[in-house]
């Protein structure tokens, strides 16, 4: 997969699609659907329903991980979703601290710096 950088508006459209679209898609989804479909993050069913592809789900999850690392860098007591905490822990990007919360490891800081330099 080519590493396409997405705008905030495109991520918002992906999140909206992930929640499920009831009825007509929003203007945000409409603006971004052609590009998101072109880079294979969303797909259109024959009946017109829009859904995330596996790549789209993965991209949203990775964004949640990056946002979690940024939040933890600013505040060690920032709340994390269980799936994000598990993933970042397995990758040695965070470690639990006594009394609750997490701290970002050196590996996590290096990954975050690399992501900020090159985008996700």
Protein backbone atom coordinates (compact mmCIF):
# COMPACT_ATOMS: atom_id res chain seq x y z
CA UNK A 1 0.00 0.00 0.00
CA UNK A 2 1.37 3.37 -0.96
CA UNK A 3 1.60 5.59 2.11
CA UNK A 4 -0.95 8.26 1.24
CA UNK A 5 -1.15 11.15 3.71
CA UNK A 6 -4.74 11.94 4.68
CA UNK A 7 -6.19 15.28 5.71
CA UNK A 8 -8.21 15.81 8.88
CA UNK A 9 -11.32 16.11 6.70
CA UNK A 10 -10.59 12.73 5.10
CA UNK A 11 -10.09 11.12 8.51
CA UNK A 12 -13.40 12.66 9.64
CA UNK A 13 -15.10 11.07 6.63
CA UNK A 14 -13.55 7.66 7.45
CA UNK A 15 -14.73 7.95 11.07
CA UNK A 16 -18.23 8.84 9.92
CA UNK A 17 -18.30 5.84 7.58
CA UNK A 18 -17.01 3.60 10.39
CA UNK A 19 -19.93 4.70 12.61
CA UNK A 20 -22.35 3.80 9.84
CA UNK A 21 -24.25 6.09 7.51
CA UNK A 22 -27.99 6.21 7.86
CA UNK A 23 -29.59 7.68 4.77
CA UNK A 24 -27.75 10.18 2.61
CA UNK A 25 -23.99 10.63 3.25
CA UNK A 26 -22.85 13.97 4.70
CA UNK A 27 -21.09 16.63 2.67
CA UNK A 28 -17.81 15.58 4.31
CA UNK A 29 -18.20 12.01 3.04
CA UNK A 30 -19.30 13.28 -0.37
CA UNK A 31 -16.26 15.55 -0.71
CA UNK A 32 -13.82 12.81 0.16
CA UNK A 33 -15.39 9.60 -1.14
CA UNK A 34 -13.79 9.64 -4.60
CA UNK A 35 -10.22 9.89 -3.25
CA UNK A 36 -10.83 7.48 -0.33
CA UNK A 37 -12.28 4.97 -2.77
CA UNK A 38 -9.38 5.51 -5.17
CA UNK A 39 -6.81 4.68 -2.50
CA UNK A 40 -8.95 1.71 -1.44
CA UNK A 41 -9.92 2.85 2.07
CA UNK A 42 -13.66 2.67 1.37
CA UNK A 43 -15.85 0.68 -0.97
CA UNK A 44 -19.31 1.09 -2.44
CA UNK A 45 -21.78 -1.79 -2.43
CA UNK A 46 -24.11 -2.30 -5.36
CA UNK A 47 -26.98 -0.88 -3.31
CA UNK A 48 -24.96 2.31 -2.72
CA UNK A 49 -23.88 1.62 0.86
CA UNK A 50 -20.42 2.87 1.75
CA UNK A 51 -18.17 0.82 4.01
CA UNK A 52 -14.57 0.80 5.19
CA UNK A 53 -12.18 -1.68 3.63
CA UNK A 54 -9.73 -3.57 5.84
CA UNK A 55 -7.12 -0.97 4.87
CA UNK A 56 -9.49 1.80 5.94
CA UNK A 57 -10.07 0.14 9.33
CA UNK A 58 -6.32 -0.29 9.77
CA UNK A 59 -5.64 3.36 8.89
CA UNK A 60 -8.20 4.56 11.46
CA UNK A 61 -6.74 2.28 14.12
CA UNK A 62 -3.21 3.53 13.45
CA UNK A 63 -4.44 7.10 13.71
CA UNK A 64 -5.99 6.30 17.09
CA UNK A 65 -2.62 4.87 18.18
CA UNK A 66 -0.74 7.99 17.06
CA UNK A 67 -3.24 10.27 18.81
CA UNK A 68 -2.88 8.14 21.97
CA UNK A 69 0.93 8.47 21.88
CA UNK A 70 0.60 12.24 21.47
CA UNK A 71 -1.88 12.41 24.36
CA UNK A 72 0.38 10.33 26.62
CA UNK A 73 3.37 12.49 25.75
CA UNK A 74 1.44 15.49 27.05
CA UNK A 75 -0.27 13.73 30.00
CA UNK A 76 0.67 10.29 31.40
CA UNK A 77 -2.84 9.88 32.83
CA UNK A 78 -4.57 10.36 29.46
CA UNK A 79 -7.24 7.67 28.94
CA UNK A 80 -6.61 5.00 26.31
CA UNK A 81 -8.96 2.56 24.63
CA UNK A 82 -8.13 -1.00 25.66
CA UNK A 83 -7.30 -2.15 22.11
CA UNK A 84 -4.95 0.79 21.56
CA UNK A 85 -3.21 0.26 24.94
CA UNK A 86 -2.78 -3.45 24.19
CA UNK A 87 -1.30 -2.81 20.74
CA UNK A 88 1.06 -0.05 21.88
CA UNK A 89 2.14 -2.19 24.84
CA UNK A 90 2.88 -5.21 22.62
CA UNK A 91 4.95 -2.97 20.34
CA UNK A 92 6.87 -1.64 23.39
CA UNK A 93 5.74 1.93 22.68
CA UNK A 94 4.19 2.36 26.13
CA UNK A 95 4.55 0.79 29.58
CA UNK A 96 2.14 0.85 32.49
CA UNK A 97 3.16 2.94 35.48
CA UNK A 98 2.43 2.23 39.11
CA UNK A 99 -0.79 3.84 40.23
CA UNK A 100 -2.38 3.68 36.79
CA UNK A 101 -1.70 5.29 33.46
CA UNK A 102 1.06 4.74 30.95
CA UNK A 103 4.32 6.31 29.94
CA UNK A 104 5.74 6.51 26.43
CA UNK A 105 8.99 4.57 25.99
CA UNK A 106 12.02 5.77 24.08
CA UNK A 107 10.93 3.49 21.20
CA UNK A 108 7.49 5.11 21.30
CA UNK A 109 8.98 8.62 21.21
CA UNK A 110 11.19 7.66 18.26
CA UNK A 111 8.21 6.19 16.38
CA UNK A 112 6.12 9.28 17.08
CA UNK A 113 8.91 11.57 15.85
CA UNK A 114 9.22 9.47 12.67
CA UNK A 115 5.46 9.54 12.11
CA UNK A 116 5.30 13.30 12.59
CA UNK A 117 8.17 13.71 10.12
CA UNK A 118 6.66 11.47 7.43
CA UNK A 119 2.94 11.30 8.22
CA UNK A 120 0.71 8.24 8.42
